[in-house]
Amino acid sequence: MIPLAVPNLTGREKEYLNNCIDTTYVSSVGEYVTRLEKMTADEAENNYAVATSSGTTGLHVTLLASGVKAEELVIVPAFTFIASANAVAHCGAIPWIMDIRDMDWCLDPDLVRSELEQNCVIREGKLIHKADGRRVAAIMPVYTLGNIPNMQKFQAMAKEYGIPLIVDAACAIGALYNGEPFGKLADVSVISFNGNKTITSGGGGMVVGNDKELIDRIRHLTTTARVGIEYDFDMVGYNYRMTNIQAAVGCAQMERLEEFVKRKREIRHFYASAFECLVDMGISLFRETPGGSCWLSGLVLPKGKTLDDVRRITGRLREKGIESRAFWKPVHLQKPFKSVPCILKGVAEDLWGRIVTLPCSTNITNAELEYVAGSMKEVLKNEL
């Protein structure tokens, strides 16, 4: 089976893991945690970084440290992995779901501005949603597939309304915006090192930013809010620390970041070339913004096709030894979030049931790519 997206562990991972065992530094203290924080901060061109147990826990403590409280609203795109909305709910807050743009599959900044202008008001220095009186506590764009939307528009809104701009940059490591790393585009960005990401530590995440006071508050929350070496705590904290073992794998991976992102882009461009002949059938490719990290690759079936078509196609590919899948079901269609406020234009709902993800591991061979492309063309010819 040619896998969809698996880790490429052919660097110094074993060497660094053995060092953890030899030195007995296997838990949340050790040289690799500090090293990975510095490597990630440097890559994002941020001053500070905090390693966390996952991208989700990183988002959770970032929202808390940024002042998000229970029953407040946080703007989240409809099309994202459910962890984005879960992190908001973990704060006791409510995701305010808004649609995406088809051009980049990211949160629509014009839609957000329209909603803030028409349905919110500033009262006593707070941005309040007029219909229910809730405070709008943050805007949280997602860098979908490593694509970066028009961040100047989000920056302007955050500044104008005085609310934090927090980015779910889970799969965006290595992505560029106007030729520069993405770290300076938001108050805080949160990266995932899950096993299917371009860079992995097996699990874990990283919070990066330039506000030392905010980053220190995030670090304090992730380390059980402990004060000093004795058992004193000054608030309810969380054990959200990354282990040295995880960070050891992450450091070995980060040493090859440029190589891995280059390969991800090559794979995306290979598929673009291979499937160009299918455009007349209504087939389209995954969106890619300039400098995007191209985390996953695949195809979008023609308008009118459904999740049943995707399932049938992925089943045929599986018979040929190729792993492929459908993609994210929009947040507002998920059972835990069916009653949250939503502003939709139909983009996410139309899109999600037509996506087919294709193998794009950084260690996939060119011969395997040719086989995948040829098999996909054959399946589409028979199924569409």
Protein backbone atom coordinates (compact mmCIF):
# COMPACT_ATOMS: atom_id res chain seq x y z
CA MET A 1 0.00 0.00 0.00
CA ILE A 2 1.33 3.43 -0.95
CA PRO A 3 0.45 5.44 2.20
CA LEU A 4 -1.22 8.82 2.24
CA ALA A 5 1.17 10.77 4.45
CA VAL A 6 3.66 9.06 6.74
CA PRO A 7 6.78 10.31 8.54
CA ASN A 8 10.17 10.30 6.83
CA LEU A 9 12.43 9.10 9.66
CA THR A 10 15.69 8.60 7.78
CA GLY A 11 17.72 11.30 9.50
CA ARG A 12 19.24 11.44 13.00
CA GLU A 13 16.10 10.40 14.86
CA LYS A 14 17.58 7.16 16.24
CA GLU A 15 20.78 8.89 17.31
CA TYR A 16 18.90 11.56 19.24
CA LEU A 17 16.48 9.07 20.79
CA ASN A 18 19.37 6.91 21.98
CA ASN A 19 20.91 10.00 23.54
CA CYS A 20 17.70 10.59 25.49
CA ILE A 21 17.84 7.03 26.81
CA ASP A 22 21.56 7.16 27.60
CA THR A 23 21.19 10.42 29.55
CA THR A 24 17.82 9.37 31.09
CA TYR A 25 16.27 12.66 29.96
CA VAL A 26 13.11 11.18 28.51
CA SER A 27 10.42 13.37 30.08
CA SER A 28 9.69 17.09 29.79
CA VAL A 29 13.20 18.23 30.74
CA GLY A 30 16.13 17.92 28.35
CA GLU A 31 18.25 19.58 25.74
CA TYR A 32 16.04 18.65 22.80
CA VAL A 33 12.96 20.50 24.06
CA THR A 34 14.96 23.72 24.31
CA ARG A 35 16.65 23.07 20.98
CA LEU A 36 13.38 22.40 19.16
CA GLU A 37 11.86 25.57 20.58
CA LYS A 38 14.77 27.61 19.26
CA MET A 39 14.77 25.89 15.87
CA THR A 40 11.04 26.51 15.41
CA ALA A 41 11.18 30.12 16.60
CA ASP A 42 14.08 30.80 14.24
CA GLU A 43 12.24 29.20 11.31
CA ALA A 44 9.11 31.26 11.96
CA GLU A 45 11.24 34.37 12.61
CA ASN A 46 9.78 34.76 16.07
CA ASN A 47 11.59 35.61 19.27
CA TYR A 48 9.97 32.98 21.47
CA ALA A 49 8.48 29.50 21.33
CA VAL A 50 6.82 27.08 23.76
CA ALA A 51 6.70 23.35 23.05
CA THR A 52 3.39 21.68 23.87
CA SER A 53 1.97 18.17 23.97
CA SER A 54 -0.08 18.82 20.81
CA GLY A 55 -1.22 21.56 18.50
CA THR A 56 -4.64 21.41 20.15
CA THR A 57 -3.27 21.99 23.65
CA GLY A 58 -1.14 24.80 22.23
CA LEU A 59 -4.26 26.48 20.87
CA HIS A 60 -6.13 25.94 24.14
CA VAL A 61 -3.55 27.64 26.38
CA THR A 62 -2.96 30.38 23.80
CA LEU A 63 -6.64 31.26 23.83
CA LEU A 64 -6.72 31.23 27.63
CA ALA A 65 -3.56 33.31 27.92
CA SER A 66 -5.03 35.79 25.43
CA GLY A 67 -8.01 36.38 27.66
CA VAL A 68 -10.68 34.15 26.09
CA LYS A 69 -13.32 33.28 28.68
CA ALA A 70 -16.35 31.03 28.95
CA GLU A 71 -19.38 31.93 26.81
CA GLU A 72 -17.37 34.34 24.63
CA LEU A 73 -17.11 34.03 20.85
CA VAL A 74 -14.02 33.10 18.85
CA ILE A 75 -14.20 33.38 15.06
CA VAL A 76 -13.17 30.10 13.39
CA PRO A 77 -13.43 28.94 9.76
CA ALA A 78 -16.06 26.40 8.80
CA PHE A 79 -13.49 24.32 6.92
CA THR A 80 -10.85 23.11 9.34
CA PHE A 81 -9.94 20.06 11.39
CA ILE A 82 -12.24 19.90 14.39
CA ALA A 83 -9.34 20.54 16.79
CA SER A 84 -9.56 24.26 15.96
CA ALA A 85 -13.10 24.45 17.34
CA ASN A 86 -12.36 21.99 20.14
CA ALA A 87 -9.66 24.28 21.52
CA VAL A 88 -12.23 27.09 21.71
CA ALA A 89 -14.73 24.80 23.45
CA HIS A 90 -12.03 23.68 25.93
CA CYS A 91 -12.00 27.30 27.13
CA GLY A 92 -15.75 27.15 27.64
CA ALA A 93 -16.02 29.61 24.75
CA ILE A 94 -18.14 29.29 21.60
CA PRO A 95 -16.83 28.98 18.04
CA TRP A 96 -18.41 31.56 15.75
CA ILE A 97 -18.18 29.68 12.46
CA MET A 98 -17.65 31.63 9.25
CA ASP A 99 -17.19 30.45 5.69
CA ILE A 100 -14.02 30.24 3.64
CA ARG A 101 -12.90 31.55 0.26
CA ASP A 102 -12.66 29.08 -2.60
CA MET A 103 -9.41 30.69 -3.77
CA ASP A 104 -7.39 29.49 -0.76
CA TRP A 105 -9.80 27.42 1.44
CA CYS A 106 -9.08 29.80 4.32
CA LEU A 107 -11.32 31.98 6.47
CA ASP A 108 -12.92 34.72 4.35
CA PRO A 109 -11.64 38.08 5.69
CA ASP A 110 -14.29 40.11 3.84
CA LEU A 111 -17.05 38.00 5.35
CA VAL A 112 -15.55 38.45 8.81
CA ARG A 113 -15.35 42.22 8.39
CA SER A 114 -18.92 42.38 7.14
CA GLU A 115 -20.16 40.51 10.20
CA LEU A 116 -18.16 42.64 12.62
CA GLU A 117 -19.37 45.86 11.01
CA GLN A 118 -23.03 44.88 10.74
CA ASN A 119 -23.61 42.69 13.78
CA CYS A 120 -21.16 43.86 16.43
CA VAL A 121 -20.64 47.01 18.45
CA ILE A 122 -17.97 48.39 20.76
CA ARG A 123 -19.24 48.73 24.33
CA GLU A 124 -16.97 49.80 27.17
CA GLY A 125 -13.95 48.90 25.08
CA LYS A 126 -15.20 45.42 24.22
CA LEU A 127 -16.38 44.05 20.88
CA ILE A 128 -19.91 42.77 21.52
CA HIS A 129 -22.13 40.65 19.28
CA LYS A 130 -25.38 42.63 19.25
CA ALA A 131 -27.77 39.68 18.96
CA ASP A 132 -26.67 37.82 22.09
CA GLY A 133 -24.46 40.27 24.00
CA ARG A 134 -21.42 38.00 23.93
CA ARG A 135 -17.92 39.41 23.66
CA VAL A 136 -15.99 38.53 20.49
CA ALA A 137 -12.75 37.45 22.12
CA ALA A 138 -10.47 36.52 19.19
CA ILE A 139 -10.14 35.85 15.47
CA MET A 140 -8.55 32.49 14.65
CA PRO A 141 -7.72 31.95 10.95
CA VAL A 142 -6.37 28.55 9.91
CA TYR A 143 -3.53 28.17 7.40
CA THR A 144 -5.34 25.43 5.50
CA LEU A 145 -2.92 22.97 3.84
CA GLY A 146 -0.18 25.51 4.62
CA ASN A 147 -1.90 28.24 2.59
CA ILE A 148 -1.77 31.74 4.07
CA PRO A 149 -4.74 34.05 3.39
CA ASN A 150 -4.72 37.84 3.16
CA MET A 151 -3.36 38.46 6.65
CA GLN A 152 -3.21 42.23 6.24
CA LYS A 153 -7.01 42.27 6.33
CA PHE A 154 -7.13 40.20 9.51
CA GLN A 155 -4.38 42.33 11.08
CA ALA A 156 -6.36 45.49 10.32
CA MET A 157 -9.51 44.07 11.92
CA ALA A 158 -7.66 42.85 15.00
CA LYS A 159 -6.11 46.28 15.49
CA GLU A 160 -9.30 48.20 14.79
CA TYR A 161 -11.45 46.16 17.16
CA GLY A 162 -8.77 45.45 19.76
CA ILE A 163 -9.02 41.66 19.70
CA PRO A 164 -6.27 39.03 19.54
CA LEU A 165 -5.29 37.47 16.22
CA ILE A 166 -4.38 33.85 16.89
CA VAL A 167 -3.47 31.54 14.01
CA ASP A 168 -3.92 27.79 13.78
CA ALA A 169 -0.80 27.15 11.71
CA ALA A 170 -0.91 23.40 12.34
CA CYS A 171 0.44 22.32 8.96
CA ALA A 172 2.18 25.52 7.87
CA ILE A 173 5.76 24.91 8.99
CA GLY A 174 7.97 26.08 6.12
CA ALA A 175 5.26 28.26 4.57
CA LEU A 176 6.07 31.77 3.36
CA TYR A 177 4.01 34.94 3.00
CA ASN A 178 5.33 37.48 0.54
CA GLY A 179 8.61 35.58 0.68
CA GLU A 180 8.92 35.75 4.48
CA PRO A 181 8.19 33.17 7.21
CA PHE A 182 4.71 33.45 8.69
CA GLY A 183 5.58 34.07 12.34
CA LYS A 184 5.12 37.84 12.34
CA LEU A 185 1.63 37.78 10.83
CA ALA A 186 -0.30 37.21 14.08
CA ASP A 187 0.00 37.72 17.82
CA VAL A 188 0.62 33.99 18.20
CA SER A 189 0.82 31.06 15.77
CA VAL A 190 0.40 27.42 16.78
CA ILE A 191 2.08 24.58 14.88
CA SER A 192 1.37 20.84 15.01
CA PHE A 193 4.01 18.11 14.93
CA ASN A 194 1.51 15.27 14.59
CA GLY A 195 2.62 12.13 12.78
CA ASN A 196 1.08 13.07 9.43
CA LYS A 197 2.58 16.57 9.30
CA THR A 198 5.55 17.57 7.13
CA ILE A 199 7.66 17.76 10.30
CA THR A 200 6.74 15.42 13.14
CA SER A 201 7.79 14.68 16.67
CA GLY A 202 5.34 11.78 16.81
CA GLY A 203 2.96 14.17 18.57
CA GLY A 204 3.30 17.60 20.04
CA GLY A 205 3.00 21.20 18.98
CA MET A 206 4.67 24.59 19.20
CA VAL A 207 3.42 28.07 20.07
CA VAL A 208 5.48 30.87 18.52
CA GLY A 209 5.27 34.62 18.96
CA ASN A 210 7.09 37.87 19.78
CA ASP A 211 5.21 39.04 22.88
CA LYS A 212 7.39 37.83 25.76
CA GLU A 213 4.78 38.47 28.43
CA LEU A 214 2.16 36.47 26.51
CA ILE A 215 4.55 33.63 25.70
CA ASP A 216 5.70 33.47 29.33
CA ARG A 217 2.05 33.23 30.41
CA ILE A 218 1.49 30.39 27.90
CA ARG A 219 4.58 28.54 29.17
CA HIS A 220 3.38 28.96 32.76
CA LEU A 221 -0.01 27.47 31.92
CA THR A 222 1.54 24.49 30.12
CA THR A 223 3.75 23.62 33.10
CA THR A 224 0.90 23.24 35.65
CA ALA A 225 1.29 26.90 36.72
CA ARG A 226 4.01 25.85 39.12
CA VAL A 227 5.90 28.56 40.99
CA GLY A 228 9.48 27.65 41.92
CA ILE A 229 10.86 24.19 42.68
CA GLU A 230 8.47 23.44 45.53
CA TYR A 231 4.85 22.41 45.14
CA ASP A 232 3.36 25.87 44.86
CA PHE A 233 0.89 26.83 42.11
CA ASP A 234 -0.72 30.20 41.49
CA MET A 235 -3.57 29.25 39.12
CA VAL A 236 -5.24 26.29 37.46
CA GLY A 237 -2.62 25.06 35.02
CA TYR A 238 -2.20 22.19 32.59
CA ASN A 239 0.35 19.46 32.06
CA TYR A 240 0.74 20.24 28.37
CA ARG A 241 4.51 19.77 28.09
CA MET A 242 6.30 18.08 25.23
CA THR A 243 8.68 15.28 26.24
CA ASN A 244 12.39 15.29 25.46
CA ILE A 245 11.88 12.08 23.46
CA GLN A 246 9.32 13.76 21.22
CA ALA A 247 11.51 16.83 20.84
CA ALA A 248 14.49 14.65 19.89
CA VAL A 249 12.55 13.34 16.90
CA GLY A 250 11.40 16.87 16.11
CA CYS A 251 14.96 18.23 16.10
CA ALA A 252 16.10 15.56 13.66
CA GLN A 253 13.12 16.40 11.47
CA MET A 254 13.68 20.15 11.59
CA GLU A 255 17.22 19.65 10.34
CA ARG A 256 15.62 18.54 7.06
CA LEU A 257 12.80 21.07 6.88
CA GLU A 258 13.93 22.71 3.66
CA GLU A 259 14.31 19.31 1.98
CA PHE A 260 10.88 18.12 3.14
CA VAL A 261 8.99 21.28 2.12
CA LYS A 262 10.75 21.26 -1.26
CA ARG A 263 9.58 17.69 -1.79
CA LYS A 264 6.01 18.51 -0.75
CA ARG A 265 5.92 21.28 -3.35
CA GLU A 266 7.38 18.97 -6.00
CA ILE A 267 4.63 16.45 -5.30
CA ARG A 268 1.92 19.09 -5.58
CA HIS A 269 3.35 20.32 -8.88
CA PHE A 270 3.68 16.78 -10.20
CA TYR A 271 0.00 16.15 -9.61
CA ALA A 272 -0.87 19.51 -11.15
CA SER A 273 0.95 18.55 -14.32
CA ALA A 274 -0.30 14.96 -14.37
CA PHE A 275 -3.95 15.94 -13.94
CA GLU A 276 -3.98 19.02 -16.14
CA CYS A 277 -5.67 16.94 -18.82
CA LEU A 278 -8.66 16.39 -16.48
CA VAL A 279 -9.62 20.05 -16.17
CA ASP A 280 -12.14 19.72 -18.99
CA MET A 281 -13.92 17.10 -16.88
CA GLY A 282 -14.45 19.65 -14.13
CA ILE A 283 -11.60 18.26 -11.99
CA SER A 284 -9.63 20.84 -10.02
CA LEU A 285 -6.52 20.70 -7.86
CA PHE A 286 -5.91 21.64 -4.26
CA ARG A 287 -5.45 25.35 -3.74
CA GLU A 288 -1.92 26.69 -3.33
CA THR A 289 -1.00 30.21 -2.27
CA PRO A 290 2.47 31.56 -3.19
CA GLY A 291 4.95 30.12 -0.70
CA GLY A 292 2.46 27.61 0.70
CA SER A 293 3.89 24.52 2.38
CA CYS A 294 1.74 22.09 0.34
CA TRP A 295 1.08 19.78 3.29
CA LEU A 296 -1.39 17.53 1.46
CA SER A 297 -2.15 17.02 -2.22
CA GLY A 298 -5.12 15.71 -4.13
CA LEU A 299 -8.06 16.46 -6.40
CA VAL A 300 -11.48 18.04 -6.20
CA LEU A 301 -14.23 16.23 -8.09
CA PRO A 302 -16.58 18.15 -10.42
CA LYS A 303 -19.53 20.16 -9.12
CA GLY A 304 -22.46 17.93 -8.35
CA LYS A 305 -20.37 15.03 -7.12
CA THR A 306 -20.76 13.90 -3.51
CA LEU A 307 -19.07 12.10 -0.67
CA ASP A 308 -20.48 8.85 -2.05
CA ASP A 309 -18.46 9.41 -5.22
CA VAL A 310 -15.36 10.11 -3.14
CA ARG A 311 -15.87 6.91 -1.17
CA ARG A 312 -16.29 4.89 -4.33
CA ILE A 313 -13.13 6.36 -5.86
CA THR A 314 -11.01 5.89 -2.74
CA GLY A 315 -12.26 2.31 -2.56
CA ARG A 316 -11.12 1.64 -6.12
CA LEU A 317 -7.73 3.18 -5.38
CA ARG A 318 -7.39 1.01 -2.27
CA GLU A 319 -7.91 -2.05 -4.45
CA LYS A 320 -4.90 -0.85 -6.45
CA GLY A 321 -2.74 -0.48 -3.35
CA ILE A 322 -3.14 3.29 -2.97
CA GLU A 323 -4.29 4.96 0.22
CA SER A 324 -6.53 7.98 -0.36
CA ARG A 325 -9.23 9.61 1.70
CA ALA A 326 -11.96 12.19 1.89
CA PHE A 327 -11.08 15.38 3.76
CA TRP A 328 -12.44 17.55 6.57
CA LYS A 329 -16.15 17.62 7.26
CA PRO A 330 -17.00 21.27 8.07
CA VAL A 331 -17.13 22.16 11.75
CA HIS A 332 -20.76 23.28 11.76
CA LEU A 333 -21.82 19.86 10.44
CA GLN A 334 -20.09 18.06 13.32
CA LYS A 335 -22.37 16.88 16.14
CA PRO A 336 -20.69 18.91 18.95
CA PHE A 337 -21.01 22.19 17.04
CA LYS A 338 -24.34 21.96 15.20
CA SER A 339 -25.90 24.65 17.39
CA VAL A 340 -23.09 27.25 17.34
CA PRO A 341 -23.57 30.52 15.40
CA CYS A 342 -22.67 30.22 11.71
CA ILE A 343 -22.26 32.61 8.82
CA LEU A 344 -22.15 30.59 5.61
CA LYS A 345 -22.06 31.26 1.89
CA GLY A 346 -22.07 27.63 0.77
CA VAL A 347 -18.37 27.39 -0.07
CA ALA A 348 -17.28 24.89 2.60
CA GLU A 349 -20.43 22.81 2.28
CA ASP A 350 -20.03 22.54 -1.49
CA LEU A 351 -16.33 21.74 -1.31
CA TRP A 352 -15.75 19.17 1.40
CA GLY A 353 -17.67 16.25 -0.08
CA ARG A 354 -15.75 16.40 -3.37
CA ILE A 355 -12.16 16.24 -2.08
CA VAL A 356 -9.89 13.24 -2.64
CA THR A 357 -6.51 13.34 -0.89
CA LEU A 358 -3.64 11.46 -2.57
CA PRO A 359 -0.30 10.03 -1.36
CA CYS A 360 2.20 12.79 -0.64
CA SER A 361 4.73 11.51 1.89
CA THR A 362 8.12 13.18 1.45
CA ASN A 363 9.71 9.79 0.81
CA ILE A 364 7.32 8.75 -1.96
CA THR A 365 9.24 7.81 -5.09
CA ASN A 366 8.69 9.28 -8.54
CA ALA A 367 7.72 5.83 -9.78
CA GLU A 368 5.05 5.63 -7.07
CA LEU A 369 3.76 9.06 -8.04
CA GLU A 370 3.48 7.95 -11.66
CA TYR A 371 1.57 4.85 -10.54
CA VAL A 372 -0.80 6.90 -8.39
CA ALA A 373 -1.49 9.38 -11.19
CA GLY A 374 -2.05 6.65 -13.76
CA SER A 375 -4.33 4.70 -11.44
CA MET A 376 -6.31 7.81 -10.55
CA LYS A 377 -6.88 8.66 -14.22
CA GLU A 378 -8.09 5.10 -14.86
CA VAL A 379 -10.45 5.16 -11.88
CA LEU A 380 -11.87 8.57 -12.80
CA LYS A 381 -12.44 7.47 -16.38
CA ASN A 382 -14.52 4.55 -15.14
CA GLU A 383 -16.31 6.27 -12.25
CA LEU A 384 -17.17 9.75 -13.52
